[in-house]
Amino acid sequence: LVRQDAQRELRPELFARVTTVVFSRLDYGIQCQVAEVLVEKELVQQ
């Protein structure tokens, strides 16, 4: 469905030239995993 939305709004020539990749919505559980990665990244930088 997202591909269909994009093909309606963007130039059709674009889709013949690229690999289209659809990213998922981040639900609560995934965002918790993201939080752990971000915290560790900040700790490493400090």
ModelCIF file with pLDDT and N, C-alpha, C, O atoms, coordinates in Angstrom:
data_MODEL
#
_entry.id   MODEL 
#
_entity.id                         1 
_entity.type                       polymer 
_entity.pdbx_number_of_molecules   1 
#
_entity_poly.entity_id                      1 
_entity_poly.type                           'polypeptide(L)' 
_entity_poly.nstd_linkage                   no 
_entity_poly.nstd_monomer                   no 
_entity_poly.pdbx_seq_one_letter_code       LVRQDAQRELRPELFARVTTVVFSRLDYGIQCQVAEVLVEKELVQQ 
_entity_poly.pdbx_seq_one_letter_code_can   LVRQDAQRELRPELFARVTTVVFSRLDYGIQCQVAEVLVEKELVQQ 
_entity_poly.pdbx_strand_id                 A 
#
loop_
_entity_poly_seq.entity_id 
_entity_poly_seq.num 
_entity_poly_seq.mon_id 
_entity_poly_seq.hetero 
1 1  LEU n 
1 2  VAL n 
1 3  ARG n 
1 4  GLN n 
1 5  ASP n 
1 6  ALA n 
1 7  GLN n 
1 8  ARG n 
1 9  GLU n 
1 10 LEU n 
1 11 ARG n 
1 12 PRO n 
1 13 GLU n 
1 14 LEU n 
1 15 PHE n 
1 16 ALA n 
1 17 ARG n 
1 18 VAL n 
1 19 THR n 
1 20 THR n 
1 21 VAL n 
1 22 VAL n 
1 23 PHE n 
1 24 SER n 
1 25 ARG n 
1 26 LEU n 
1 27 ASP n 
1 28 TYR n 
1 29 GLY n 
1 30 ILE n 
1 31 GLN n 
1 32 CYS n 
1 33 GLN n 
1 34 VAL n 
1 35 ALA n 
1 36 GLU n 
1 37 VAL n 
1 38 LEU n 
1 39 VAL n 
1 40 GLU n 
1 41 LYS n 
1 42 GLU n 
1 43 LEU n 
1 44 VAL n 
1 45 GLN n 
1 46 GLN n 
#
_struct_asym.id          A 
_struct_asym.entity_id   1 
#
loop_
_ma_qa_metric.id 
_ma_qa_metric.mode 
_ma_qa_metric.name 
_ma_qa_metric.software_group_id 
_ma_qa_metric.type 
1 global pLDDT . pLDDT 
2 local  pLDDT . pLDDT 
#
_ma_qa_metric_global.metric_id      1 
_ma_qa_metric_global.metric_value   92.41 
_ma_qa_metric_global.model_id       1 
_ma_qa_metric_global.ordinal_id     1 
#
loop_
_ma_qa_metric_local.label_asym_id 
_ma_qa_metric_local.label_comp_id 
_ma_qa_metric_local.label_seq_id 
_ma_qa_metric_local.metric_id 
_ma_qa_metric_local.metric_value 
_ma_qa_metric_local.model_id 
_ma_qa_metric_local.ordinal_id 
A LEU 1  2 89.00 1 1  
A VAL 2  2 90.00 1 2  
A ARG 3  2 91.00 1 3  
A GLN 4  2 91.00 1 4  
A ASP 5  2 91.00 1 5  
A ALA 6  2 92.00 1 6  
A GLN 7  2 91.00 1 7  
A ARG 8  2 91.00 1 8  
A GLU 9  2 90.00 1 9  
A LEU 10 2 91.00 1 10 
A ARG 11 2 90.00 1 11 
A PRO 12 2 90.00 1 12 
A GLU 13 2 91.00 1 13 
A LEU 14 2 92.00 1 14 
A PHE 15 2 92.00 1 15 
A ALA 16 2 90.00 1 16 
A ARG 17 2 93.00 1 17 
A VAL 18 2 95.00 1 18 
A THR 19 2 96.00 1 19 
A THR 20 2 96.00 1 20 
A VAL 21 2 96.00 1 21 
A VAL 22 2 94.00 1 22 
A PHE 23 2 94.00 1 23 
A SER 24 2 90.00 1 24 
A ARG 25 2 88.00 1 25 
A LEU 26 2 89.00 1 26 
A ASP 27 2 89.00 1 27 
A TYR 28 2 92.00 1 28 
A GLY 29 2 93.00 1 29 
A ILE 30 2 92.00 1 30 
A GLN 31 2 93.00 1 31 
A CYS 32 2 94.00 1 32 
A GLN 33 2 94.00 1 33 
A VAL 34 2 93.00 1 34 
A ALA 35 2 94.00 1 35 
A GLU 36 2 94.00 1 36 
A VAL 37 2 93.00 1 37 
A LEU 38 2 94.00 1 38 
A VAL 39 2 95.00 1 39 
A GLU 40 2 94.00 1 40 
A LYS 41 2 92.00 1 41 
A GLU 42 2 95.00 1 42 
A LEU 43 2 95.00 1 43 
A VAL 44 2 94.00 1 44 
A GLN 45 2 94.00 1 45 
A GLN 46 2 94.00 1 46 
#
loop_
_atom_site.group_PDB 
_atom_site.id 
_atom_site.type_symbol 
_atom_site.label_atom_id 
_atom_site.label_alt_id 
_atom_site.label_comp_id 
_atom_site.label_asym_id 
_atom_site.label_entity_id 
_atom_site.label_seq_id 
_atom_site.pdbx_PDB_ins_code 
_atom_site.Cartn_x 
_atom_site.Cartn_y 
_atom_site.Cartn_z 
_atom_site.occupancy 
_atom_site.B_iso_or_equiv 
_atom_site.pdbx_formal_charge 
_atom_site.auth_seq_id 
_atom_site.auth_comp_id 
_atom_site.auth_asym_id 
_atom_site.auth_atom_id 
_atom_site.pdbx_PDB_model_num 
ATOM 1   N N  . LEU A 1 1  ? 0.816  -1.209 0.000   1.00 89.00 ? 1  LEU A N  1 
ATOM 2   C CA . LEU A 1 1  ? 0.000  0.000  0.000   1.00 89.00 ? 1  LEU A CA 1 
ATOM 3   C C  . LEU A 1 1  ? 0.855  1.267  0.000   1.00 89.00 ? 1  LEU A C  1 
ATOM 4   O O  . LEU A 1 1  ? 0.507  2.251  -0.651  1.00 89.00 ? 1  LEU A O  1 
ATOM 5   N N  . VAL A 1 2  ? 1.958  1.243  0.719   1.00 90.00 ? 2  VAL A N  1 
ATOM 6   C CA . VAL A 1 2  ? 2.844  2.409  0.735   1.00 90.00 ? 2  VAL A CA 1 
ATOM 7   C C  . VAL A 1 2  ? 3.488  2.610  -0.632  1.00 90.00 ? 2  VAL A C  1 
ATOM 8   O O  . VAL A 1 2  ? 3.620  3.743  -1.095  1.00 90.00 ? 2  VAL A O  1 
ATOM 9   N N  . ARG A 1 3  ? 3.886  1.528  -1.276  1.00 91.00 ? 3  ARG A N  1 
ATOM 10  C CA . ARG A 1 3  ? 4.427  1.628  -2.629  1.00 91.00 ? 3  ARG A CA 1 
ATOM 11  C C  . ARG A 1 3  ? 3.400  2.253  -3.577  1.00 91.00 ? 3  ARG A C  1 
ATOM 12  O O  . ARG A 1 3  ? 3.746  3.083  -4.417  1.00 91.00 ? 3  ARG A O  1 
ATOM 13  N N  . GLN A 1 4  ? 2.144  1.850  -3.435  1.00 91.00 ? 4  GLN A N  1 
ATOM 14  C CA . GLN A 1 4  ? 1.090  2.397  -4.286  1.00 91.00 ? 4  GLN A CA 1 
ATOM 15  C C  . GLN A 1 4  ? 0.930  3.897  -4.068  1.00 91.00 ? 4  GLN A C  1 
ATOM 16  O O  . GLN A 1 4  ? 0.771  4.657  -5.023  1.00 91.00 ? 4  GLN A O  1 
ATOM 17  N N  . ASP A 1 5  ? 0.973  4.321  -2.794  1.00 91.00 ? 5  ASP A N  1 
ATOM 18  C CA . ASP A 1 5  ? 0.883  5.755  -2.494  1.00 91.00 ? 5  ASP A CA 1 
ATOM 19  C C  . ASP A 1 5  ? 2.035  6.515  -3.155  1.00 91.00 ? 5  ASP A C  1 
ATOM 20  O O  . ASP A 1 5  ? 1.828  7.570  -3.755  1.00 91.00 ? 5  ASP A O  1 
ATOM 21  N N  . ALA A 1 6  ? 3.242  5.972  -3.041  1.00 92.00 ? 6  ALA A N  1 
ATOM 22  C CA . ALA A 1 6  ? 4.417  6.641  -3.607  1.00 92.00 ? 6  ALA A CA 1 
ATOM 23  C C  . ALA A 1 6  ? 4.340  6.707  -5.124  1.00 92.00 ? 6  ALA A C  1 
ATOM 24  O O  . ALA A 1 6  ? 4.709  7.719  -5.720  1.00 92.00 ? 6  ALA A O  1 
ATOM 25  N N  . GLN A 1 7  ? 3.868  5.643  -5.750  1.00 91.00 ? 7  GLN A N  1 
ATOM 26  C CA . GLN A 1 7  ? 3.781  5.623  -7.214  1.00 91.00 ? 7  GLN A CA 1 
ATOM 27  C C  . GLN A 1 7  ? 2.731  6.597  -7.737  1.00 91.00 ? 7  GLN A C  1 
ATOM 28  O O  . GLN A 1 7  ? 2.819  7.050  -8.878  1.00 91.00 ? 7  GLN A O  1 
ATOM 29  N N  . ARG A 1 8  ? 1.734  6.922  -6.907  1.00 91.00 ? 8  ARG A N  1 
ATOM 30  C CA . ARG A 1 8  ? 0.736  7.920  -7.302  1.00 91.00 ? 8  ARG A CA 1 
ATOM 31  C C  . ARG A 1 8  ? 1.302  9.340  -7.212  1.00 91.00 ? 8  ARG A C  1 
ATOM 32  O O  . ARG A 1 8  ? 0.916  10.213 -7.989  1.00 91.00 ? 8  ARG A O  1 
ATOM 33  N N  . GLU A 1 9  ? 2.208  9.567  -6.274  1.00 90.00 ? 9  GLU A N  1 
ATOM 34  C CA . GLU A 1 9  ? 2.674  10.927 -6.016  1.00 90.00 ? 9  GLU A CA 1 
ATOM 35  C C  . GLU A 1 9  ? 4.001  11.277 -6.682  1.00 90.00 ? 9  GLU A C  1 
ATOM 36  O O  . GLU A 1 9  ? 4.254  12.445 -6.974  1.00 90.00 ? 9  GLU A O  1 
ATOM 37  N N  . LEU A 1 10 ? 4.840  10.292 -6.923  1.00 91.00 ? 10 LEU A N  1 
ATOM 38  C CA . LEU A 1 10 ? 6.153  10.552 -7.491  1.00 91.00 ? 10 LEU A CA 1 
ATOM 39  C C  . LEU A 1 10 ? 6.180  10.192 -8.980  1.00 91.00 ? 10 LEU A C  1 
ATOM 40  O O  . LEU A 1 10 ? 5.319  9.462  -9.470  1.00 91.00 ? 10 LEU A O  1 
ATOM 41  N N  . ARG A 1 11 ? 7.162  10.705 -9.671  1.00 90.00 ? 11 ARG A N  1 
ATOM 42  C CA . ARG A 1 11 ? 7.292  10.467 -11.103 1.00 90.00 ? 11 ARG A CA 1 
ATOM 43  C C  . ARG A 1 11 ? 7.514  8.977  -11.374 1.00 90.00 ? 11 ARG A C  1 
ATOM 44  O O  . ARG A 1 11 ? 8.339  8.355  -10.704 1.00 90.00 ? 11 ARG A O  1 
ATOM 45  N N  . PRO A 1 12 ? 6.806  8.395  -12.329 1.00 90.00 ? 12 PRO A N  1 
ATOM 46  C CA . PRO A 1 12 ? 6.967  6.960  -12.594 1.00 90.00 ? 12 PRO A CA 1 
ATOM 47  C C  . PRO A 1 12 ? 8.369  6.590  -13.052 1.00 90.00 ? 12 PRO A C  1 
ATOM 48  O O  . PRO A 1 12 ? 8.818  5.466  -12.829 1.00 90.00 ? 12 PRO A O  1 
ATOM 49  N N  . GLU A 1 13 ? 9.083  7.549  -13.707 1.00 91.00 ? 13 GLU A N  1 
ATOM 50  C CA . GLU A 1 13 ? 10.435 7.251  -14.170 1.00 91.00 ? 13 GLU A CA 1 
ATOM 51  C C  . GLU A 1 13 ? 11.382 6.925  -13.019 1.00 91.00 ? 13 GLU A C  1 
ATOM 52  O O  . GLU A 1 13 ? 12.350 6.184  -13.193 1.00 91.00 ? 13 GLU A O  1 
ATOM 53  N N  . LEU A 1 14 ? 11.098 7.483  -11.842 1.00 92.00 ? 14 LEU A N  1 
ATOM 54  C CA . LEU A 1 14 ? 11.983 7.249  -10.703 1.00 92.00 ? 14 LEU A CA 1 
ATOM 55  C C  . LEU A 1 14 ? 12.022 5.780  -10.319 1.00 92.00 ? 14 LEU A C  1 
ATOM 56  O O  . LEU A 1 14 ? 13.086 5.251  -10.000 1.00 92.00 ? 14 LEU A O  1 
ATOM 57  N N  . PHE A 1 15 ? 10.885 5.123  -10.346 1.00 92.00 ? 15 PHE A N  1 
ATOM 58  C CA . PHE A 1 15 ? 10.799 3.751  -9.838  1.00 92.00 ? 15 PHE A CA 1 
ATOM 59  C C  . PHE A 1 15 ? 11.537 2.755  -10.727 1.00 92.00 ? 15 PHE A C  1 
ATOM 60  O O  . PHE A 1 15 ? 11.902 1.670  -10.274 1.00 92.00 ? 15 PHE A O  1 
ATOM 61  N N  . ALA A 1 16 ? 11.755 3.114  -11.974 1.00 90.00 ? 16 ALA A N  1 
ATOM 62  C CA . ALA A 1 16 ? 12.519 2.237  -12.867 1.00 90.00 ? 16 ALA A CA 1 
ATOM 63  C C  . ALA A 1 16 ? 14.022 2.358  -12.627 1.00 90.00 ? 16 ALA A C  1 
ATOM 64  O O  . ALA A 1 16 ? 14.804 1.555  -13.137 1.00 90.00 ? 16 ALA A O  1 
ATOM 65  N N  . ARG A 1 17 ? 14.419 3.358  -11.855 1.00 93.00 ? 17 ARG A N  1 
ATOM 66  C CA . ARG A 1 17 ? 15.845 3.643  -11.682 1.00 93.00 ? 17 ARG A CA 1 
ATOM 67  C C  . ARG A 1 17 ? 16.370 3.320  -10.289 1.00 93.00 ? 17 ARG A C  1 
ATOM 68  O O  . ARG A 1 17 ? 17.576 3.398  -10.055 1.00 93.00 ? 17 ARG A O  1 
ATOM 69  N N  . VAL A 1 18 ? 15.489 2.958  -9.360  1.00 95.00 ? 18 VAL A N  1 
ATOM 70  C CA . VAL A 1 18 ? 15.906 2.783  -7.963  1.00 95.00 ? 18 VAL A CA 1 
ATOM 71  C C  . VAL A 1 18 ? 15.401 1.455  -7.409  1.00 95.00 ? 18 VAL A C  1 
ATOM 72  O O  . VAL A 1 18 ? 14.494 0.829  -7.958  1.00 95.00 ? 18 VAL A O  1 
ATOM 73  N N  . THR A 1 19 ? 16.013 1.054  -6.312  1.00 96.00 ? 19 THR A N  1 
ATOM 74  C CA . THR A 1 19 ? 15.490 -0.035 -5.490  1.00 96.00 ? 19 THR A CA 1 
ATOM 75  C C  . THR A 1 19 ? 14.645 0.600  -4.394  1.00 96.00 ? 19 THR A C  1 
ATOM 76  O O  . THR A 1 19 ? 15.162 1.338  -3.557  1.00 96.00 ? 19 THR A O  1 
ATOM 77  N N  . THR A 1 20 ? 13.355 0.316  -4.398  1.00 96.00 ? 20 THR A N  1 
ATOM 78  C CA . THR A 1 20 ? 12.447 0.908  -3.416  1.00 96.00 ? 20 THR A CA 1 
ATOM 79  C C  . THR A 1 20 ? 12.427 0.052  -2.149  1.00 96.00 ? 20 THR A C  1 
ATOM 80  O O  . THR A 1 20 ? 12.231 -1.162 -2.209  1.00 96.00 ? 20 THR A O  1 
ATOM 81  N N  . VAL A 1 21 ? 12.633 0.701  -1.009  1.00 96.00 ? 21 VAL A N  1 
ATOM 82  C CA . VAL A 1 21 ? 12.692 0.004  0.275   1.00 96.00 ? 21 VAL A CA 1 
ATOM 83  C C  . VAL A 1 21 ? 11.698 0.659  1.225   1.00 96.00 ? 21 VAL A C  1 
ATOM 84  O O  . VAL A 1 21 ? 11.779 1.863  1.468   1.00 96.00 ? 21 VAL A O  1 
ATOM 85  N N  . VAL A 1 22 ? 10.763 -0.115 1.763   1.00 94.00 ? 22 VAL A N  1 
ATOM 86  C CA . VAL A 1 22 ? 9.753  0.402  2.687   1.00 94.00 ? 22 VAL A CA 1 
ATOM 87  C C  . VAL A 1 22 ? 10.153 0.037  4.119   1.00 94.00 ? 22 VAL A C  1 
ATOM 88  O O  . VAL A 1 22 ? 10.352 -1.133 4.445   1.00 94.00 ? 22 VAL A O  1 
ATOM 89  N N  . PHE A 1 23 ? 10.267 1.057  4.958   1.00 94.00 ? 23 PHE A N  1 
ATOM 90  C CA . PHE A 1 23 ? 10.654 0.871  6.363   1.00 94.00 ? 23 PHE A CA 1 
ATOM 91  C C  . PHE A 1 23 ? 9.406  0.717  7.223   1.00 94.00 ? 23 PHE A C  1 
ATOM 92  O O  . PHE A 1 23 ? 8.395  1.380  6.992   1.00 94.00 ? 23 PHE A O  1 
ATOM 93  N N  . SER A 1 24 ? 9.485  -0.158 8.209   1.00 90.00 ? 24 SER A N  1 
ATOM 94  C CA . SER A 1 24 ? 8.359  -0.422 9.098   1.00 90.00 ? 24 SER A CA 1 
ATOM 95  C C  . SER A 1 24 ? 8.194  0.684  10.136  1.00 90.00 ? 24 SER A C  1 
ATOM 96  O O  . SER A 1 24 ? 9.149  1.380  10.481  1.00 90.00 ? 24 SER A O  1 
ATOM 97  N N  . ARG A 1 25 ? 6.974  0.830  10.621  1.00 88.00 ? 25 ARG A N  1 
ATOM 98  C CA . ARG A 1 25 ? 6.722  1.683  11.782  1.00 88.00 ? 25 ARG A CA 1 
ATOM 99  C C  . ARG A 1 25 ? 7.362  1.043  13.010  1.00 88.00 ? 25 ARG A C  1 
ATOM 100 O O  . ARG A 1 25 ? 7.381  -0.181 13.134  1.00 88.00 ? 25 ARG A O  1 
ATOM 101 N N  . LEU A 1 26 ? 7.886  1.868  13.921  1.00 89.00 ? 26 LEU A N  1 
ATOM 102 C CA . LEU A 1 26 ? 8.525  1.353  15.128  1.00 89.00 ? 26 LEU A CA 1 
ATOM 103 C C  . LEU A 1 26 ? 7.503  1.273  16.264  1.00 89.00 ? 26 LEU A C  1 
ATOM 104 O O  . LEU A 1 26 ? 7.076  2.301  16.790  1.00 89.00 ? 26 LEU A O  1 
ATOM 105 N N  . ASP A 1 27 ? 7.113  0.049  16.641  1.00 89.00 ? 27 ASP A N  1 
ATOM 106 C CA . ASP A 1 27 ? 6.165  -0.087 17.739  1.00 89.00 ? 27 ASP A CA 1 
ATOM 107 C C  . ASP A 1 27 ? 6.891  0.070  19.080  1.00 89.00 ? 27 ASP A C  1 
ATOM 108 O O  . ASP A 1 27 ? 8.101  0.294  19.116  1.00 89.00 ? 27 ASP A O  1 
ATOM 109 N N  . TYR A 1 28 ? 6.151  -0.047 20.165  1.00 92.00 ? 28 TYR A N  1 
ATOM 110 C CA . TYR A 1 28 ? 6.721  0.219  21.486  1.00 92.00 ? 28 TYR A CA 1 
ATOM 111 C C  . TYR A 1 28 ? 7.886  -0.720 21.796  1.00 92.00 ? 28 TYR A C  1 
ATOM 112 O O  . TYR A 1 28 ? 8.924  -0.284 22.293  1.00 92.00 ? 28 TYR A O  1 
ATOM 113 N N  . GLY A 1 29 ? 7.712  -2.000 21.503  1.00 93.00 ? 29 GLY A N  1 
ATOM 114 C CA . GLY A 1 29 ? 8.764  -2.963 21.797  1.00 93.00 ? 29 GLY A CA 1 
ATOM 115 C C  . GLY A 1 29 ? 10.045 -2.663 21.043  1.00 93.00 ? 29 GLY A C  1 
ATOM 116 O O  . GLY A 1 29 ? 11.134 -2.760 21.607  1.00 93.00 ? 29 GLY A O  1 
ATOM 117 N N  . ILE A 1 30 ? 9.925  -2.299 19.768  1.00 92.00 ? 30 ILE A N  1 
ATOM 118 C CA . ILE A 1 30 ? 11.101 -1.969 18.971  1.00 92.00 ? 30 ILE A CA 1 
ATOM 119 C C  . ILE A 1 30 ? 11.755 -0.697 19.484  1.00 92.00 ? 30 ILE A C  1 
ATOM 120 O O  . ILE A 1 30 ? 12.981 -0.601 19.532  1.00 92.00 ? 30 ILE A O  1 
ATOM 121 N N  . GLN A 1 31 ? 10.936 0.285  19.868  1.00 93.00 ? 31 GLN A N  1 
ATOM 122 C CA . GLN A 1 31 ? 11.512 1.525  20.383  1.00 93.00 ? 31 GLN A CA 1 
ATOM 123 C C  . GLN A 1 31 ? 12.271 1.296  21.690  1.00 93.00 ? 31 GLN A C  1 
ATOM 124 O O  . GLN A 1 31 ? 13.235 2.004  21.979  1.00 93.00 ? 31 GLN A O  1 
ATOM 125 N N  . CYS A 1 32 ? 11.853 0.337  22.461  1.00 94.00 ? 32 CYS A N  1 
ATOM 126 C CA . CYS A 1 32 ? 12.619 -0.006 23.666  1.00 94.00 ? 32 CYS A CA 1 
ATOM 127 C C  . CYS A 1 32 ? 13.998 -0.547 23.298  1.00 94.00 ? 32 CYS A C  1 
ATOM 128 O O  . CYS A 1 32 ? 14.991 -0.232 23.953  1.00 94.00 ? 32 CYS A O  1 
ATOM 129 N N  . GLN A 1 33 ? 14.049 -1.358 22.252  1.00 94.00 ? 33 GLN A N  1 
ATOM 130 C CA . GLN A 1 33 ? 15.341 -1.854 21.782  1.00 94.00 ? 33 GLN A CA 1 
ATOM 131 C C  . GLN A 1 33 ? 16.192 -0.713 21.229  1.00 94.00 ? 33 GLN A C  1 
ATOM 132 O O  . GLN A 1 33 ? 17.403 -0.671 21.443  1.00 94.00 ? 33 GLN A O  1 
ATOM 133 N N  . VAL A 1 34 ? 15.547 0.208  20.520  1.00 93.00 ? 34 VAL A N  1 
ATOM 134 C CA . VAL A 1 34 ? 16.252 1.377  19.990  1.00 93.00 ? 34 VAL A CA 1 
ATOM 135 C C  . VAL A 1 34 ? 16.841 2.193  21.135  1.00 93.00 ? 34 VAL A C  1 
ATOM 136 O O  . VAL A 1 34 ? 17.971 2.673  21.043  1.00 93.00 ? 34 VAL A O  1 
ATOM 137 N N  . ALA A 1 35 ? 16.080 2.347  22.208  1.00 94.00 ? 35 ALA A N  1 
ATOM 138 C CA . ALA A 1 35 ? 16.545 3.121  23.359  1.00 94.00 ? 35 ALA A CA 1 
ATOM 139 C C  . ALA A 1 35 ? 17.838 2.536  23.916  1.00 94.00 ? 35 ALA A C  1 
ATOM 140 O O  . ALA A 1 35 ? 18.756 3.277  24.268  1.00 94.00 ? 35 ALA A O  1 
ATOM 141 N N  . GLU A 1 36 ? 17.910 1.230  23.996  1.00 94.00 ? 36 GLU A N  1 
ATOM 142 C CA . GLU A 1 36 ? 19.118 0.592  24.534  1.00 94.00 ? 36 GLU A CA 1 
ATOM 143 C C  . GLU A 1 36 ? 20.322 0.872  23.648  1.00 94.00 ? 36 GLU A C  1 
ATOM 144 O O  . GLU A 1 36 ? 21.413 1.149  24.145  1.00 94.00 ? 36 GLU A O  1 
ATOM 145 N N  . VAL A 1 37 ? 20.123 0.801  22.331  1.00 93.00 ? 37 VAL A N  1 
ATOM 146 C CA . VAL A 1 37 ? 21.213 1.090  21.402  1.00 93.00 ? 37 VAL A CA 1 
ATOM 147 C C  . VAL A 1 37 ? 21.665 2.551  21.545  1.00 93.00 ? 37 VAL A C  1 
ATOM 148 O O  . VAL A 1 37 ? 22.863 2.836  21.550  1.00 93.00 ? 37 VAL A O  1 
ATOM 149 N N  . LEU A 1 38 ? 20.703 3.466  21.662  1.00 94.00 ? 38 LEU A N  1 
ATOM 150 C CA . LEU A 1 38 ? 21.036 4.888  21.750  1.00 94.00 ? 38 LEU A CA 1 
ATOM 151 C C  . LEU A 1 38 ? 21.749 5.228  23.058  1.00 94.00 ? 38 LEU A C  1 
ATOM 152 O O  . LEU A 1 38 ? 22.682 6.031  23.075  1.00 94.00 ? 38 LEU A O  1 
ATOM 153 N N  . VAL A 1 39 ? 21.305 4.615  24.145  1.00 95.00 ? 39 VAL A N  1 
ATOM 154 C CA . VAL A 1 39 ? 21.958 4.856  25.438  1.00 95.00 ? 39 VAL A CA 1 
ATOM 155 C C  . VAL A 1 39 ? 23.403 4.377  25.398  1.00 95.00 ? 39 VAL A C  1 
ATOM 156 O O  . VAL A 1 39 ? 24.309 5.085  25.838  1.00 95.00 ? 39 VAL A O  1 
ATOM 157 N N  . GLU A 1 40 ? 23.616 3.183  24.873  1.00 94.00 ? 40 GLU A N  1 
ATOM 158 C CA . GLU A 1 40 ? 24.977 2.653  24.799  1.00 94.00 ? 40 GLU A CA 1 
ATOM 159 C C  . GLU A 1 40 ? 25.853 3.507  23.889  1.00 94.00 ? 40 GLU A C  1 
ATOM 160 O O  . GLU A 1 40 ? 27.031 3.717  24.178  1.00 94.00 ? 40 GLU A O  1 
ATOM 161 N N  . LYS A 1 41 ? 25.287 3.997  22.798  1.00 92.00 ? 41 LYS A N  1 
ATOM 162 C CA . LYS A 1 41 ? 26.049 4.860  21.902  1.00 92.00 ? 41 LYS A CA 1 
ATOM 163 C C  . LYS A 1 41 ? 26.496 6.130  22.615  1.00 92.00 ? 41 LYS A C  1 
ATOM 164 O O  . LYS A 1 41 ? 27.647 6.548  22.488  1.00 92.00 ? 41 LYS A O  1 
ATOM 165 N N  . GLU A 1 42 ? 25.579 6.745  23.367  1.00 95.00 ? 42 GLU A N  1 
ATOM 166 C CA . GLU A 1 42 ? 25.928 7.965  24.089  1.00 95.00 ? 42 GLU A CA 1 
ATOM 167 C C  . GLU A 1 42 ? 26.965 7.690  25.174  1.00 95.00 ? 42 GLU A C  1 
ATOM 168 O O  . GLU A 1 42 ? 27.879 8.492  25.367  1.00 95.00 ? 42 GLU A O  1 
ATOM 169 N N  . LEU A 1 43 ? 26.840 6.572  25.881  1.00 95.00 ? 43 LEU A N  1 
ATOM 170 C CA . LEU A 1 43 ? 27.811 6.232  26.921  1.00 95.00 ? 43 LEU A CA 1 
ATOM 171 C C  . LEU A 1 43 ? 29.200 6.020  26.317  1.00 95.00 ? 43 LEU A C  1 
ATOM 172 O O  . LEU A 1 43 ? 30.199 6.459  26.887  1.00 95.00 ? 43 LEU A O  1 
ATOM 173 N N  . VAL A 1 44 ? 29.264 5.356  25.181  1.00 94.00 ? 44 VAL A N  1 
ATOM 174 C CA . VAL A 1 44 ? 30.553 5.130  24.521  1.00 94.00 ? 44 VAL A CA 1 
ATOM 175 C C  . VAL A 1 44 ? 31.186 6.470  24.144  1.00 94.00 ? 44 VAL A C  1 
ATOM 176 O O  . VAL A 1 44 ? 32.383 6.673  24.346  1.00 94.00 ? 44 VAL A O  1 
ATOM 177 N N  . GLN A 1 45 ? 30.383 7.379  23.597  1.00 94.00 ? 45 GLN A N  1 
ATOM 178 C CA . GLN A 1 45 ? 30.920 8.681  23.213  1.00 94.00 ? 45 GLN A CA 1 
ATOM 179 C C  . GLN A 1 45 ? 31.471 9.441  24.422  1.00 94.00 ? 45 GLN A C  1 
ATOM 180 O O  . GLN A 1 45 ? 32.521 10.076 24.334  1.00 94.00 ? 45 GLN A O  1 
ATOM 181 N N  . GLN A 1 46 ? 30.760 9.374  25.546  1.00 94.00 ? 46 GLN A N  1 
ATOM 182 C CA . GLN A 1 46 ? 31.223 10.080 26.742  1.00 94.00 ? 46 GLN A CA 1 
ATOM 183 C C  . GLN A 1 46 ? 32.440 9.400  27.356  1.00 94.00 ? 46 GLN A C  1 
ATOM 184 O O  . GLN A 1 46 ? 32.961 9.864  28.371  1.00 94.00 ? 46 GLN A O  1 
#
